[in-house]
Amino acid sequence: MSLSPYAPIIGLFALAAGFALFSVAAARFAGPRRYNKAKLEAYECGIEPSPQPVGGGRFPIKFYLTAMLFIVFDIEIIFLYPWAVSFDALPIFGFVEMVLFIVAVFVAYAYVWRRGGLDWD
């Protein structure tokens, strides 16, 4: 068994690991050191968290509509790309299935549009 076919992959992993280690080491030396009480807290972004209600805060519906819109288009791209690559090899069944899929995606898009998810106030 020869390892020569795996040499480029091993080299790429070694290069990625080396870059990651170099980036972490360079940041320790080149980065600014401005520590304060808020940055040393467990919530690490540097902003002190505001108190939350006991039952949890209410999120506006636009948050969920934006998340749903992202998921709809993300899933659409995940399914459309392989279909487009193998379009020549698919019979009419593949075309009909993709038309049905696009109709389902359009229904979700129309729902988000109707609920105001595309209005960026």
Protein backbone atom coordinates (compact mmCIF):
# COMPACT_ATOMS: atom_id res chain seq x y z
CA MET A 1 0.00 0.00 0.00
CA SER A 2 1.42 3.32 -1.08
CA LEU A 3 0.74 6.62 0.64
CA SER A 4 1.67 8.73 -2.37
CA PRO A 5 -1.96 9.41 -3.43
CA TYR A 6 -2.60 10.89 0.02
CA ALA A 7 0.46 13.16 0.01
CA PRO A 8 -1.40 16.28 -1.27
CA ILE A 9 -4.13 15.85 1.36
CA ILE A 10 -1.61 15.37 4.15
CA GLY A 11 0.32 18.39 2.87
CA LEU A 12 -2.86 20.49 2.85
CA PHE A 13 -3.69 19.48 6.43
CA ALA A 14 -0.11 20.30 7.49
CA LEU A 15 -0.33 23.69 5.77
CA ALA A 16 -3.69 24.44 7.43
CA ALA A 17 -2.39 23.42 10.86
CA GLY A 18 0.74 25.51 10.38
CA PHE A 19 -1.31 28.54 9.35
CA ALA A 20 -3.63 28.13 12.35
CA LEU A 21 -0.72 27.86 14.79
CA PHE A 22 1.06 30.81 13.19
CA SER A 23 -2.09 32.95 13.35
CA VAL A 24 -2.64 32.23 17.04
CA ALA A 25 1.01 32.89 17.88
CA ALA A 26 1.15 36.10 15.82
CA ALA A 27 -2.04 37.40 17.45
CA ARG A 28 -0.50 37.02 20.91
CA PHE A 29 2.45 39.21 19.92
CA ALA A 30 0.83 41.69 17.53
CA GLY A 31 -2.63 42.13 19.06
CA PRO A 32 -3.54 44.90 21.51
CA ARG A 33 -3.83 44.03 25.18
CA ARG A 34 -6.68 46.08 26.65
CA TYR A 35 -8.15 44.07 29.47
CA ASN A 36 -11.01 45.34 31.57
CA LYS A 37 -13.58 43.86 33.92
CA ALA A 38 -16.15 43.23 31.19
CA LYS A 39 -13.72 41.37 28.93
CA LEU A 40 -12.64 39.08 31.73
CA GLU A 41 -16.23 37.96 32.36
CA ALA A 42 -17.54 34.66 31.00
CA TYR A 43 -19.50 36.51 28.30
CA GLU A 44 -16.47 37.27 26.15
CA CYS A 45 -17.55 39.93 23.66
CA GLY A 46 -16.72 42.78 25.99
CA ILE A 47 -20.28 44.00 26.49
CA GLU A 48 -21.84 43.47 29.86
CA PRO A 49 -25.03 41.43 29.42
CA SER A 50 -28.27 43.07 30.44
CA PRO A 51 -30.57 41.19 32.81
CA GLN A 52 -33.12 38.94 31.08
CA PRO A 53 -36.68 38.26 32.22
CA VAL A 54 -37.23 35.03 34.15
CA GLY A 55 -39.35 33.44 31.41
CA GLY A 56 -37.00 34.58 28.67
CA GLY A 57 -37.34 37.54 26.38
CA ARG A 58 -39.77 37.67 23.47
CA PHE A 59 -38.27 37.77 20.01
CA PRO A 60 -40.03 39.66 17.24
CA ILE A 61 -41.52 37.57 14.44
CA LYS A 62 -39.04 39.11 11.99
CA PHE A 63 -36.28 37.12 13.69
CA TYR A 64 -38.00 33.84 12.87
CA LEU A 65 -39.00 34.96 9.37
CA THR A 66 -35.42 35.92 8.58
CA ALA A 67 -34.20 32.55 9.86
CA MET A 68 -36.84 30.73 7.84
CA LEU A 69 -35.94 32.70 4.72
CA PHE A 70 -32.29 31.77 5.15
CA ILE A 71 -33.16 28.09 5.58
CA VAL A 72 -35.47 28.08 2.56
CA PHE A 73 -32.87 29.54 0.23
CA ASP A 74 -30.04 27.51 1.74
CA ILE A 75 -31.91 24.25 1.18
CA GLU A 76 -32.89 25.38 -2.30
CA ILE A 77 -29.26 25.89 -3.29
CA ILE A 78 -28.22 22.59 -1.71
CA PHE A 79 -30.73 20.74 -3.89
CA LEU A 80 -30.45 22.83 -7.05
CA TYR A 81 -26.68 22.55 -7.49
CA PRO A 82 -26.45 18.73 -7.76
CA TRP A 83 -29.55 18.72 -9.95
CA ALA A 84 -27.98 21.24 -12.33
CA VAL A 85 -24.74 19.27 -12.47
CA SER A 86 -26.47 16.02 -13.39
CA PHE A 87 -29.30 17.54 -15.46
CA ASP A 88 -28.28 15.75 -18.68
CA ALA A 89 -28.38 12.33 -17.01
CA LEU A 90 -31.85 12.79 -15.50
CA PRO A 91 -34.98 11.72 -17.34
CA ILE A 92 -38.22 13.73 -17.33
CA PHE A 93 -38.88 12.45 -13.79
CA GLY A 94 -35.96 14.57 -12.49
CA PHE A 95 -37.38 17.65 -14.20
CA VAL A 96 -40.87 17.09 -12.75
CA GLU A 97 -39.44 16.54 -9.26
CA MET A 98 -37.46 19.78 -9.46
CA VAL A 99 -40.51 21.71 -10.65
CA LEU A 100 -42.44 20.38 -7.63
CA PHE A 101 -39.56 21.32 -5.35
CA ILE A 102 -39.39 24.85 -6.75
CA VAL A 103 -43.16 25.21 -6.28
CA ALA A 104 -42.77 24.16 -2.63
CA VAL A 105 -39.95 26.68 -2.17
CA PHE A 106 -42.06 29.38 -3.83
CA VAL A 107 -44.90 28.69 -1.37
CA ALA A 108 -42.48 29.22 1.54
CA TYR A 109 -41.15 32.37 -0.13
CA ALA A 110 -44.68 33.70 -0.66
CA TYR A 111 -45.47 33.02 3.02
CA VAL A 112 -42.42 34.97 4.18
CA TRP A 113 -43.24 37.79 1.77
CA ARG A 114 -46.86 37.91 2.95
CA ARG A 115 -45.82 37.99 6.63
CA GLY A 116 -43.50 40.95 5.97
CA GLY A 117 -40.20 39.12 6.29
CA LEU A 118 -38.77 41.00 3.31
CA ASP A 119 -39.56 44.47 4.68
CA TRP A 120 -36.37 45.71 6.32
CA ASP A 121 -37.53 48.48 8.62
